[in-house]
Amino acid sequence: MYSNCGFMAFPLIAAVLGDIGVFYGSAFVGVFNLSLWTHGRALLLGRRGVTVRGALCNAGVLGTIAGALIYFCRIPLPEIAGDLAASLASLNTPLAMIVIGVFLSHCTLRSLFRREVLWPAVLRTALIPCCYLALLCLLRVSEWSAADASIGTVVLLCAACPSAASSVLMTASLGMDSAYGSRIIFMTSILSVISIPILSFLAVLLL
């Protein structure tokens, strides 16, 4: 359900729209983090397994709140803190891919092409982004202001990314079936090679 907007969308957005696009994408990722660590966690554990403290006091939500406070309050950070944050951020994608690769090593090739993997992969890479595109066109986002066409493109690119690597890391931390999530991430990554260029072309035409 959740896209890999933090790891995959930013390079695409930076290439298409530059720094302003990355700024818009940060808002999408902020909402993503809040949703993943509250709604996403509730989906895995059920209502009884989620408490208000557990939903709000976790790395994803606290990091989003801290980043928002630093930005809106214009709090200056020491240069060493900025360098440290940049170094840690550069490790996110390779470390997540290593963890997913470890889980995939226990899967067979045949298991990647089962219905329970293919259907969520098509839903994630095609149906959900098309719903986003239809909603953006219905709301006529591009007519709101000069910047809103760029916002629509950012939202669509973030929605078109493969399944979130965070979902596998979360299920692993909860002792659940991480191999199944790894298979879906692998398949959505393959399908997104086709779907993202098509959706980007449609965004240029319609937004």
N, C-alpha and C. Protein backbone atom coordinates (compact mmCIF):
# COMPACT_ATOMS: atom_id res chain seq x y z
N MET A 1 0.82 -1.21 0.00
CA MET A 1 0.00 0.00 0.00
C MET A 1 0.86 1.27 0.00
N TYR A 2 1.87 1.29 0.85
CA TYR A 2 2.71 2.48 0.96
C TYR A 2 3.85 2.40 -0.06
N SER A 3 4.14 3.56 -0.67
CA SER A 3 5.17 3.59 -1.71
C SER A 3 6.54 3.91 -1.12
N ASN A 4 7.57 3.61 -1.89
CA ASN A 4 8.95 3.87 -1.48
C ASN A 4 9.33 5.30 -1.86
N CYS A 5 8.50 6.25 -1.40
CA CYS A 5 8.66 7.64 -1.85
C CYS A 5 9.93 8.29 -1.30
N GLY A 6 10.41 7.84 -0.15
CA GLY A 6 11.59 8.46 0.42
C GLY A 6 12.87 8.09 -0.32
N PHE A 7 13.00 6.82 -0.73
CA PHE A 7 14.24 6.35 -1.35
C PHE A 7 14.26 6.56 -2.86
N MET A 8 13.14 6.32 -3.52
CA MET A 8 13.13 6.31 -4.99
C MET A 8 12.58 7.58 -5.61
N ALA A 9 11.64 8.25 -4.94
CA ALA A 9 11.00 9.41 -5.57
C ALA A 9 11.92 10.62 -5.65
N PHE A 10 12.72 10.85 -4.62
CA PHE A 10 13.53 12.06 -4.59
C PHE A 10 14.51 12.18 -5.77
N PRO A 11 15.25 11.11 -6.13
CA PRO A 11 16.10 11.25 -7.31
C PRO A 11 15.31 11.57 -8.58
N LEU A 12 14.13 10.96 -8.74
CA LEU A 12 13.30 11.24 -9.91
C LEU A 12 12.81 12.68 -9.90
N ILE A 13 12.33 13.12 -8.74
CA ILE A 13 11.80 14.48 -8.63
C ILE A 13 12.90 15.51 -8.86
N ALA A 14 14.09 15.26 -8.30
CA ALA A 14 15.21 16.18 -8.49
C ALA A 14 15.59 16.30 -9.96
N ALA A 15 15.52 15.17 -10.68
CA ALA A 15 15.87 15.19 -12.10
C ALA A 15 14.83 15.92 -12.93
N VAL A 16 13.57 15.83 -12.54
CA VAL A 16 12.48 16.43 -13.33
C VAL A 16 12.22 17.88 -12.95
N LEU A 17 12.18 18.17 -11.64
CA LEU A 17 11.73 19.49 -11.17
C LEU A 17 12.79 20.26 -10.39
N GLY A 18 13.89 19.62 -10.04
CA GLY A 18 14.93 20.33 -9.31
C GLY A 18 14.63 20.44 -7.82
N ASP A 19 15.25 21.43 -7.17
CA ASP A 19 15.17 21.57 -5.71
C ASP A 19 13.75 21.87 -5.24
N ILE A 20 13.00 22.65 -6.00
CA ILE A 20 11.64 22.98 -5.58
C ILE A 20 10.77 21.73 -5.54
N GLY A 21 11.02 20.80 -6.45
CA GLY A 21 10.29 19.55 -6.44
C GLY A 21 10.62 18.71 -5.23
N VAL A 22 11.90 18.70 -4.84
CA VAL A 22 12.32 17.97 -3.64
C VAL A 22 11.67 18.57 -2.41
N PHE A 23 11.53 19.88 -2.40
CA PHE A 23 10.85 20.55 -1.27
C PHE A 23 9.40 20.11 -1.16
N TYR A 24 8.69 20.07 -2.29
CA TYR A 24 7.31 19.59 -2.27
C TYR A 24 7.25 18.11 -1.86
N GLY A 25 8.22 17.33 -2.36
CA GLY A 25 8.25 15.92 -2.03
C GLY A 25 8.47 15.67 -0.54
N SER A 26 9.17 16.57 0.13
CA SER A 26 9.41 16.41 1.57
C SER A 26 8.10 16.44 2.35
N ALA A 27 7.14 17.24 1.88
CA ALA A 27 5.83 17.28 2.54
C ALA A 27 5.12 15.93 2.39
N PHE A 28 5.21 15.35 1.19
CA PHE A 28 4.60 14.03 0.95
C PHE A 28 5.23 12.98 1.85
N VAL A 29 6.55 13.00 1.97
CA VAL A 29 7.26 12.02 2.80
C VAL A 29 6.93 12.21 4.28
N GLY A 30 6.74 13.45 4.69
CA GLY A 30 6.35 13.70 6.07
C GLY A 30 5.01 13.07 6.41
N VAL A 31 4.03 13.22 5.52
CA VAL A 31 2.72 12.59 5.72
C VAL A 31 2.86 11.07 5.65
N PHE A 32 3.72 10.59 4.75
CA PHE A 32 3.98 9.15 4.63
C PHE A 32 4.49 8.57 5.95
N ASN A 33 5.46 9.23 6.56
CA ASN A 33 6.03 8.73 7.81
C ASN A 33 4.98 8.66 8.91
N LEU A 34 4.18 9.72 9.02
CA LEU A 34 3.13 9.74 10.03
C LEU A 34 2.13 8.62 9.80
N SER A 35 1.75 8.41 8.54
CA SER A 35 0.76 7.37 8.22
C SER A 35 1.32 5.97 8.43
N LEU A 36 2.57 5.76 8.00
CA LEU A 36 3.17 4.42 8.10
C LEU A 36 3.29 3.97 9.54
N TRP A 37 3.72 4.87 10.42
CA TRP A 37 3.97 4.48 11.81
C TRP A 37 2.73 4.53 12.67
N THR A 38 1.61 4.98 12.13
CA THR A 38 0.34 4.95 12.87
C THR A 38 -0.63 3.98 12.20
N HIS A 39 -1.11 4.35 11.02
CA HIS A 39 -2.06 3.50 10.30
C HIS A 39 -1.41 2.19 9.87
N GLY A 40 -0.20 2.26 9.30
CA GLY A 40 0.48 1.04 8.85
C GLY A 40 0.76 0.08 9.99
N ARG A 41 1.19 0.61 11.10
CA ARG A 41 1.45 -0.24 12.28
C ARG A 41 0.16 -0.86 12.79
N ALA A 42 -0.94 -0.09 12.73
CA ALA A 42 -2.23 -0.62 13.17
C ALA A 42 -2.71 -1.75 12.27
N LEU A 43 -2.43 -1.65 10.96
CA LEU A 43 -2.81 -2.72 10.05
C LEU A 43 -2.10 -4.03 10.38
N LEU A 44 -0.85 -3.92 10.82
CA LEU A 44 -0.08 -5.12 11.14
C LEU A 44 -0.45 -5.73 12.48
N LEU A 45 -0.66 -4.87 13.46
CA LEU A 45 -0.88 -5.36 14.81
C LEU A 45 -2.35 -5.43 15.21
N GLY A 46 -3.21 -4.76 14.43
CA GLY A 46 -4.61 -4.69 14.84
C GLY A 46 -4.80 -3.58 15.87
N ARG A 47 -6.04 -3.24 16.13
CA ARG A 47 -6.31 -2.14 17.05
C ARG A 47 -5.80 -2.42 18.46
N ARG A 48 -5.88 -3.67 18.89
CA ARG A 48 -5.47 -3.99 20.25
C ARG A 48 -3.96 -3.91 20.43
N GLY A 49 -3.24 -4.08 19.34
CA GLY A 49 -1.79 -4.06 19.45
C GLY A 49 -1.17 -2.68 19.34
N VAL A 50 -1.99 -1.65 19.10
CA VAL A 50 -1.49 -0.30 18.92
C VAL A 50 -2.00 0.59 20.05
N THR A 51 -1.09 1.27 20.71
CA THR A 51 -1.44 2.24 21.73
C THR A 51 -1.10 3.64 21.22
N VAL A 52 -1.69 4.65 21.84
CA VAL A 52 -1.41 6.03 21.44
C VAL A 52 0.08 6.34 21.63
N ARG A 53 0.63 5.87 22.74
CA ARG A 53 2.05 6.11 23.00
C ARG A 53 2.93 5.41 21.97
N GLY A 54 2.59 4.16 21.64
CA GLY A 54 3.39 3.42 20.67
C GLY A 54 3.28 4.00 19.27
N ALA A 55 2.10 4.55 18.91
CA ALA A 55 1.89 5.11 17.59
C ALA A 55 2.60 6.43 17.40
N LEU A 56 2.71 7.20 18.47
CA LEU A 56 3.28 8.54 18.36
C LEU A 56 4.75 8.59 18.78
N CYS A 57 5.15 7.75 19.73
CA CYS A 57 6.52 7.78 20.24
C CYS A 57 7.37 6.73 19.54
N ASN A 58 7.66 6.96 18.28
CA ASN A 58 8.53 6.07 17.51
C ASN A 58 9.41 6.91 16.61
N ALA A 59 10.39 6.28 16.00
CA ALA A 59 11.41 7.02 15.24
C ALA A 59 10.81 7.80 14.08
N GLY A 60 9.85 7.19 13.36
CA GLY A 60 9.29 7.86 12.19
C GLY A 60 8.52 9.12 12.54
N VAL A 61 7.63 9.03 13.51
CA VAL A 61 6.80 10.18 13.88
C VAL A 61 7.64 11.25 14.57
N LEU A 62 8.48 10.84 15.52
CA LEU A 62 9.30 11.82 16.24
C LEU A 62 10.28 12.52 15.30
N GLY A 63 10.83 11.78 14.35
CA GLY A 63 11.73 12.41 13.38
C GLY A 63 11.02 13.42 12.50
N THR A 64 9.79 13.08 12.08
CA THR A 64 9.01 14.01 11.25
C THR A 64 8.68 15.28 12.02
N ILE A 65 8.26 15.12 13.28
CA ILE A 65 7.92 16.28 14.11
C ILE A 65 9.16 17.15 14.35
N ALA A 66 10.29 16.50 14.65
CA ALA A 66 11.53 17.25 14.90
C ALA A 66 11.96 18.02 13.65
N GLY A 67 11.88 17.36 12.48
CA GLY A 67 12.24 18.05 11.24
C GLY A 67 11.34 19.22 10.93
N ALA A 68 10.03 19.06 11.18
CA ALA A 68 9.09 20.16 10.94
C ALA A 68 9.36 21.33 11.87
N LEU A 69 9.66 21.05 13.14
CA LEU A 69 9.96 22.12 14.09
C LEU A 69 11.23 22.88 13.70
N ILE A 70 12.26 22.13 13.29
CA ILE A 70 13.51 22.79 12.87
C ILE A 70 13.28 23.69 11.67
N TYR A 71 12.43 23.21 10.72
CA TYR A 71 12.19 24.00 9.51
C TYR A 71 11.35 25.24 9.81
N PHE A 72 10.22 25.05 10.46
CA PHE A 72 9.29 26.18 10.66
C PHE A 72 9.81 27.18 11.68
N CYS A 73 10.57 26.72 12.67
CA CYS A 73 11.12 27.63 13.67
C CYS A 73 12.48 28.21 13.24
N ARG A 74 12.97 27.78 12.09
CA ARG A 74 14.25 28.27 11.55
C ARG A 74 15.37 28.09 12.57
N ILE A 75 15.46 26.91 13.14
CA ILE A 75 16.50 26.62 14.15
C ILE A 75 17.80 26.29 13.43
N PRO A 76 18.85 27.07 13.66
CA PRO A 76 20.13 26.77 12.99
C PRO A 76 20.80 25.55 13.61
N LEU A 77 21.39 24.73 12.77
CA LEU A 77 22.09 23.54 13.23
C LEU A 77 23.59 23.70 13.00
N PRO A 78 24.42 23.17 13.90
CA PRO A 78 25.87 23.21 13.66
C PRO A 78 26.22 22.46 12.38
N GLU A 79 27.30 22.85 11.77
CA GLU A 79 27.71 22.21 10.52
C GLU A 79 27.96 20.73 10.69
N ILE A 80 28.52 20.34 11.84
CA ILE A 80 28.80 18.93 12.08
C ILE A 80 27.52 18.11 12.16
N ALA A 81 26.45 18.73 12.69
CA ALA A 81 25.16 18.02 12.77
C ALA A 81 24.58 17.82 11.37
N GLY A 82 24.71 18.83 10.52
CA GLY A 82 24.23 18.70 9.15
C GLY A 82 25.00 17.64 8.37
N ASP A 83 26.33 17.62 8.56
CA ASP A 83 27.16 16.61 7.87
C ASP A 83 26.82 15.20 8.36
N LEU A 84 26.59 15.07 9.67
CA LEU A 84 26.24 13.76 10.22
C LEU A 84 24.90 13.27 9.68
N ALA A 85 23.92 14.19 9.62
CA ALA A 85 22.60 13.82 9.09
C ALA A 85 22.70 13.41 7.62
N ALA A 86 23.50 14.14 6.84
CA ALA A 86 23.66 13.80 5.43
C ALA A 86 24.34 12.44 5.25
N SER A 87 25.32 12.16 6.10
CA SER A 87 26.01 10.86 6.01
C SER A 87 25.08 9.71 6.36
N LEU A 88 24.28 9.88 7.41
CA LEU A 88 23.34 8.84 7.79
C LEU A 88 22.26 8.65 6.73
N ALA A 89 21.81 9.76 6.14
CA ALA A 89 20.77 9.67 5.10
C ALA A 89 21.26 8.90 3.89
N SER A 90 22.55 9.05 3.56
CA SER A 90 23.08 8.34 2.39
C SER A 90 23.15 6.83 2.61
N LEU A 91 23.07 6.39 3.87
CA LEU A 91 23.11 4.95 4.17
C LEU A 91 21.74 4.30 4.12
N ASN A 92 20.68 5.10 4.12
CA ASN A 92 19.32 4.54 4.21
C ASN A 92 19.03 3.54 3.10
N THR A 93 19.22 3.97 1.87
CA THR A 93 18.85 3.12 0.73
C THR A 93 19.69 1.85 0.66
N PRO A 94 21.03 1.92 0.70
CA PRO A 94 21.80 0.67 0.60
C PRO A 94 21.54 -0.29 1.75
N LEU A 95 21.37 0.21 2.97
CA LEU A 95 21.11 -0.68 4.09
C LEU A 95 19.75 -1.37 3.95
N ALA A 96 18.75 -0.61 3.52
CA ALA A 96 17.42 -1.19 3.32
C ALA A 96 17.46 -2.26 2.22
N MET A 97 18.20 -2.01 1.14
CA MET A 97 18.30 -2.98 0.05
C MET A 97 19.04 -4.24 0.50
N ILE A 98 20.04 -4.08 1.38
CA ILE A 98 20.76 -5.25 1.89
C ILE A 98 19.83 -6.13 2.71
N VAL A 99 19.02 -5.49 3.58
CA VAL A 99 18.09 -6.25 4.41
C VAL A 99 17.08 -7.00 3.54
N ILE A 100 16.52 -6.31 2.54
CA ILE A 100 15.56 -6.94 1.64
C ILE A 100 16.21 -8.08 0.86
N GLY A 101 17.46 -7.88 0.44
CA GLY A 101 18.17 -8.94 -0.28
C GLY A 101 18.37 -10.18 0.57
N VAL A 102 18.63 -9.98 1.87
CA VAL A 102 18.79 -11.12 2.78
C VAL A 102 17.50 -11.93 2.85
N PHE A 103 16.35 -11.23 2.95
CA PHE A 103 15.07 -11.94 3.01
C PHE A 103 14.76 -12.61 1.68
N LEU A 104 15.11 -11.96 0.56
CA LEU A 104 14.84 -12.54 -0.75
C LEU A 104 15.68 -13.79 -1.01
N SER A 105 16.83 -13.88 -0.37
CA SER A 105 17.69 -15.05 -0.58
C SER A 105 17.04 -16.34 -0.11
N HIS A 106 16.03 -16.22 0.74
CA HIS A 106 15.32 -17.40 1.23
C HIS A 106 14.08 -17.73 0.39
N CYS A 107 13.84 -16.94 -0.69
CA CYS A 107 12.67 -17.15 -1.53
C CYS A 107 13.07 -17.87 -2.81
N THR A 108 12.13 -18.58 -3.39
CA THR A 108 12.36 -19.23 -4.68
C THR A 108 11.84 -18.34 -5.80
N LEU A 109 12.36 -18.52 -6.99
CA LEU A 109 11.93 -17.72 -8.14
C LEU A 109 10.44 -17.95 -8.43
N ARG A 110 10.00 -19.16 -8.23
CA ARG A 110 8.59 -19.48 -8.50
C ARG A 110 7.66 -18.71 -7.57
N SER A 111 8.07 -18.47 -6.34
CA SER A 111 7.22 -17.78 -5.38
C SER A 111 6.99 -16.31 -5.74
N LEU A 112 7.86 -15.75 -6.61
CA LEU A 112 7.71 -14.36 -7.00
C LEU A 112 6.56 -14.14 -7.98
N PHE A 113 6.10 -15.20 -8.64
CA PHE A 113 5.09 -15.06 -9.68
C PHE A 113 3.75 -15.66 -9.27
N ARG A 114 3.52 -15.78 -7.98
CA ARG A 114 2.23 -16.24 -7.50
C ARG A 114 1.23 -15.10 -7.48
N ARG A 115 -0.06 -15.46 -7.48
CA ARG A 115 -1.12 -14.46 -7.54
C ARG A 115 -1.07 -13.50 -6.36
N GLU A 116 -0.76 -14.03 -5.16
CA GLU A 116 -0.74 -13.18 -3.97
C GLU A 116 0.42 -12.18 -3.98
N VAL A 117 1.36 -12.35 -4.91
CA VAL A 117 2.44 -11.37 -5.09
C VAL A 117 2.15 -10.46 -6.27
N LEU A 118 1.69 -11.02 -7.38
CA LEU A 118 1.46 -10.23 -8.59
C LEU A 118 0.33 -9.23 -8.42
N TRP A 119 -0.75 -9.65 -7.76
CA TRP A 119 -1.89 -8.73 -7.62
C TRP A 119 -1.53 -7.50 -6.79
N PRO A 120 -0.93 -7.63 -5.61
CA PRO A 120 -0.51 -6.41 -4.89
C PRO A 120 0.50 -5.57 -5.67
N ALA A 121 1.35 -6.23 -6.47
CA ALA A 121 2.34 -5.49 -7.25
C ALA A 121 1.67 -4.63 -8.32
N VAL A 122 0.68 -5.19 -9.00
CA VAL A 122 -0.07 -4.42 -10.01
C VAL A 122 -0.87 -3.31 -9.34
N LEU A 123 -1.44 -3.61 -8.19
CA LEU A 123 -2.20 -2.60 -7.44
C LEU A 123 -1.30 -1.43 -7.06
N ARG A 124 -0.09 -1.74 -6.59
CA ARG A 124 0.83 -0.70 -6.12
C ARG A 124 1.38 0.14 -7.28
N THR A 125 1.73 -0.47 -8.38
CA THR A 125 2.43 0.24 -9.46
C THR A 125 1.51 0.81 -10.53
N ALA A 126 0.27 0.34 -10.62
CA ALA A 126 -0.62 0.78 -11.70
C ALA A 126 -1.94 1.37 -11.19
N LEU A 127 -2.68 0.59 -10.44
CA LEU A 127 -4.02 1.04 -10.06
C LEU A 127 -4.01 2.23 -9.10
N ILE A 128 -3.20 2.15 -8.06
CA ILE A 128 -3.15 3.26 -7.10
C ILE A 128 -2.63 4.56 -7.74
N PRO A 129 -1.53 4.54 -8.52
CA PRO A 129 -1.10 5.78 -9.19
C PRO A 129 -2.15 6.33 -10.15
N CYS A 130 -2.87 5.45 -10.84
CA CYS A 130 -3.93 5.91 -11.75
C CYS A 130 -5.05 6.59 -10.98
N CYS A 131 -5.35 6.09 -9.80
CA CYS A 131 -6.35 6.75 -8.95
C CYS A 131 -5.88 8.14 -8.53
N TYR A 132 -4.60 8.25 -8.18
CA TYR A 132 -4.02 9.56 -7.85
C TYR A 132 -4.14 10.50 -9.05
N LEU A 133 -3.78 10.01 -10.22
CA LEU A 133 -3.83 10.83 -11.43
C LEU A 133 -5.25 11.29 -11.73
N ALA A 134 -6.22 10.39 -11.61
CA ALA A 134 -7.61 10.76 -11.85
C ALA A 134 -8.09 11.81 -10.86
N LEU A 135 -7.69 11.67 -9.60
CA LEU A 135 -8.10 12.64 -8.58
C LEU A 135 -7.47 14.00 -8.84
N LEU A 136 -6.19 14.02 -9.22
CA LEU A 136 -5.51 15.28 -9.52
C LEU A 136 -6.15 15.98 -10.71
N CYS A 137 -6.53 15.20 -11.72
CA CYS A 137 -7.20 15.79 -12.89
C CYS A 137 -8.60 16.27 -12.52
N LEU A 138 -9.31 15.52 -11.69
CA LEU A 138 -10.65 15.90 -11.27
C LEU A 138 -10.64 17.20 -10.47
N LEU A 139 -9.63 17.34 -9.63
CA LEU A 139 -9.50 18.56 -8.82
C LEU A 139 -8.90 19.72 -9.60
N ARG A 140 -8.40 19.45 -10.81
CA ARG A 140 -7.77 20.47 -11.66
C ARG A 140 -6.66 21.21 -10.91
N VAL A 141 -5.79 20.43 -10.33
CA VAL A 141 -4.72 20.99 -9.51
C VAL A 141 -3.85 21.96 -10.30
N SER A 142 -3.61 21.67 -11.56
CA SER A 142 -2.73 22.51 -12.38
C SER A 142 -3.28 23.91 -12.59
N GLU A 143 -4.59 24.12 -12.35
CA GLU A 143 -5.20 25.43 -12.56
C GLU A 143 -5.23 26.28 -11.30
N TRP A 144 -4.84 25.73 -10.18
CA TRP A 144 -4.91 26.49 -8.94
C TRP A 144 -3.91 27.65 -8.92
N SER A 145 -2.67 27.37 -9.31
CA SER A 145 -1.64 28.41 -9.38
C SER A 145 -0.52 27.90 -10.28
N ALA A 146 0.48 28.75 -10.49
CA ALA A 146 1.58 28.37 -11.38
C ALA A 146 2.37 27.19 -10.83
N ALA A 147 2.44 27.05 -9.50
CA ALA A 147 3.25 25.99 -8.90
C ALA A 147 2.51 24.68 -8.75
N ASP A 148 1.18 24.69 -8.90
CA ASP A 148 0.41 23.51 -8.56
C ASP A 148 0.57 22.38 -9.58
N ALA A 149 0.93 22.69 -10.81
CA ALA A 149 1.23 21.63 -11.77
C ALA A 149 2.43 20.82 -11.30
N SER A 150 3.44 21.51 -10.74
CA SER A 150 4.61 20.82 -10.21
C SER A 150 4.23 19.98 -9.00
N ILE A 151 3.34 20.49 -8.16
CA ILE A 151 2.91 19.74 -6.98
C ILE A 151 2.20 18.46 -7.42
N GLY A 152 1.35 18.57 -8.44
CA GLY A 152 0.66 17.38 -8.94
C GLY A 152 1.63 16.34 -9.47
N THR A 153 2.66 16.78 -10.18
CA THR A 153 3.66 15.86 -10.71
C THR A 153 4.42 15.17 -9.58
N VAL A 154 4.76 15.93 -8.53
CA VAL A 154 5.45 15.36 -7.38
C VAL A 154 4.60 14.30 -6.70
N VAL A 155 3.34 14.61 -6.48
CA VAL A 155 2.43 13.65 -5.83
C VAL A 155 2.33 12.38 -6.65
N LEU A 156 2.21 12.51 -7.97
CA LEU A 156 2.07 11.34 -8.82
C LEU A 156 3.35 10.49 -8.83
N LEU A 157 4.51 11.14 -8.89
CA LEU A 157 5.77 10.38 -8.87
C LEU A 157 5.96 9.65 -7.55
N CYS A 158 5.59 10.30 -6.45
CA CYS A 158 5.71 9.64 -5.15
C CYS A 158 4.76 8.45 -5.06
N ALA A 159 3.56 8.60 -5.62
CA ALA A 159 2.58 7.51 -5.58
C ALA A 159 2.95 6.37 -6.51
N ALA A 160 3.75 6.63 -7.54
CA ALA A 160 4.07 5.61 -8.54
C ALA A 160 5.26 4.74 -8.15
N CYS A 161 5.93 5.05 -7.05
CA CYS A 161 7.12 4.29 -6.65
C CYS A 161 6.74 2.89 -6.17
N PRO A 162 7.70 1.97 -6.15
CA PRO A 162 7.43 0.61 -5.66
C PRO A 162 7.04 0.61 -4.19
N SER A 163 6.73 -0.56 -3.67
CA SER A 163 6.35 -0.69 -2.26
C SER A 163 7.49 -0.26 -1.35
N ALA A 164 7.14 0.27 -0.21
CA ALA A 164 8.11 0.84 0.72
C ALA A 164 8.99 -0.23 1.35
N ALA A 165 10.30 0.03 1.35
CA ALA A 165 11.22 -0.87 2.03
C ALA A 165 10.98 -0.87 3.53
N SER A 166 10.43 0.22 4.05
CA SER A 166 10.15 0.31 5.48
C SER A 166 9.15 -0.74 5.94
N SER A 167 8.28 -1.17 5.03
CA SER A 167 7.28 -2.17 5.41
C SER A 167 7.95 -3.49 5.78
N VAL A 168 9.00 -3.87 5.04
CA VAL A 168 9.73 -5.10 5.37
C VAL A 168 10.49 -4.95 6.68
N LEU A 169 11.11 -3.80 6.87
CA LEU A 169 11.85 -3.57 8.11
C LEU A 169 10.92 -3.57 9.31
N MET A 170 9.72 -3.03 9.13
CA MET A 170 8.76 -3.00 10.23
C MET A 170 8.26 -4.40 10.57
N THR A 171 7.92 -5.17 9.53
CA THR A 171 7.44 -6.53 9.79
C THR A 171 8.54 -7.40 10.41
N ALA A 172 9.78 -7.17 10.00
CA ALA A 172 10.89 -7.92 10.60
C ALA A 172 11.05 -7.58 12.07
N SER A 173 10.91 -6.30 12.41
CA SER A 173 11.05 -5.89 13.82
C SER A 173 9.93 -6.43 14.68
N LEU A 174 8.77 -6.73 14.05
CA LEU A 174 7.62 -7.25 14.78
C LEU A 174 7.56 -8.78 14.75
N GLY A 175 8.55 -9.42 14.10
CA GLY A 175 8.59 -10.87 14.05
C GLY A 175 7.59 -11.48 13.09
N MET A 176 7.19 -10.74 12.05
CA MET A 176 6.21 -11.23 11.09
C MET A 176 6.90 -11.72 9.80
N ASP A 177 6.09 -12.10 8.81
CA ASP A 177 6.61 -12.69 7.57
C ASP A 177 7.22 -11.61 6.69
N SER A 178 8.52 -11.42 6.81
CA SER A 178 9.21 -10.39 6.02
C SER A 178 9.49 -10.86 4.60
N ALA A 179 9.57 -12.17 4.38
CA ALA A 179 9.86 -12.69 3.04
C ALA A 179 8.76 -12.33 2.06
N TYR A 180 7.50 -12.37 2.51
CA TYR A 180 6.38 -12.02 1.63
C TYR A 180 6.47 -10.56 1.19
N GLY A 181 6.75 -9.67 2.12
CA GLY A 181 6.92 -8.27 1.76
C GLY A 181 8.09 -8.04 0.83
N SER A 182 9.17 -8.80 1.02
CA SER A 182 10.33 -8.67 0.15
C SER A 182 9.99 -9.07 -1.28
N ARG A 183 9.19 -10.12 -1.44
CA ARG A 183 8.79 -10.54 -2.79
C ARG A 183 7.96 -9.46 -3.47
N ILE A 184 7.07 -8.81 -2.73
CA ILE A 184 6.25 -7.74 -3.31
C ILE A 184 7.12 -6.55 -3.69
N ILE A 185 8.08 -6.19 -2.85
CA ILE A 185 8.97 -5.08 -3.16
C ILE A 185 9.78 -5.38 -4.42
N PHE A 186 10.28 -6.59 -4.53
CA PHE A 186 11.04 -6.97 -5.72
C PHE A 186 10.18 -6.86 -6.97
N MET A 187 8.96 -7.38 -6.92
CA MET A 187 8.10 -7.37 -8.10
C MET A 187 7.65 -5.95 -8.46
N THR A 188 7.34 -5.13 -7.46
CA THR A 188 6.94 -3.75 -7.75
C THR A 188 8.10 -2.95 -8.32
N SER A 189 9.32 -3.27 -7.88
CA SER A 189 10.49 -2.58 -8.42
C SER A 189 10.67 -2.90 -9.90
N ILE A 190 10.43 -4.16 -10.27
CA ILE A 190 10.53 -4.55 -11.68
C ILE A 190 9.44 -3.86 -12.51
N LEU A 191 8.21 -3.90 -12.03
CA LEU A 191 7.09 -3.31 -12.78
C LEU A 191 7.21 -1.79 -12.88
N SER A 192 7.80 -1.15 -11.87
CA SER A 192 7.91 0.31 -11.88
C SER A 192 8.84 0.81 -12.98
N VAL A 193 9.73 -0.04 -13.47
CA VAL A 193 10.59 0.34 -14.59
C VAL A 193 9.73 0.68 -15.81
N ILE A 194 8.58 0.03 -15.93
CA ILE A 194 7.65 0.29 -17.03
C ILE A 194 6.63 1.35 -16.65
N SER A 195 6.09 1.26 -15.45
CA SER A 195 4.96 2.11 -15.06
C SER A 195 5.35 3.57 -14.81
N ILE A 196 6.51 3.81 -14.21
CA ILE A 196 6.88 5.19 -13.87
C ILE A 196 7.08 6.05 -15.12
N PRO A 197 7.80 5.59 -16.17
CA PRO A 197 7.89 6.42 -17.39
C PRO A 197 6.53 6.71 -18.01
N ILE A 198 5.63 5.72 -18.03
CA ILE A 198 4.30 5.94 -18.60
C ILE A 198 3.53 6.97 -17.79
N LEU A 199 3.56 6.84 -16.47
CA LEU A 199 2.85 7.79 -15.60
C LEU A 199 3.47 9.18 -15.68
N SER A 200 4.78 9.25 -15.83
CA SER A 200 5.43 10.57 -15.97
C SER A 200 4.99 11.25 -17.26
N PHE A 201 4.87 10.47 -18.33
CA PHE A 201 4.40 11.02 -19.61
C PHE A 201 2.96 11.51 -19.48
N LEU A 202 2.11 10.74 -18.78
CA LEU A 202 0.72 11.15 -18.59
C LEU A 202 0.64 12.41 -17.72
N ALA A 203 1.55 12.52 -16.75
CA ALA A 203 1.56 13.71 -15.90
C ALA A 203 1.87 14.97 -16.71
N VAL A 204 2.81 14.85 -17.65
CA VAL A 204 3.16 15.99 -18.50
C VAL A 204 1.97 16.39 -19.39
N LEU A 205 1.23 15.39 -19.86
CA LEU A 205 0.10 15.67 -20.74
C LEU A 205 -1.11 16.22 -20.01
N LEU A 206 -1.37 15.70 -18.81
CA LEU A 206 -2.65 15.98 -18.14
C LEU A 206 -2.56 16.96 -17.00
N LEU A 207 -1.39 17.14 -16.42
CA LEU A 207 -1.28 18.01 -15.25
C LEU A 207 -0.64 19.36 -15.60
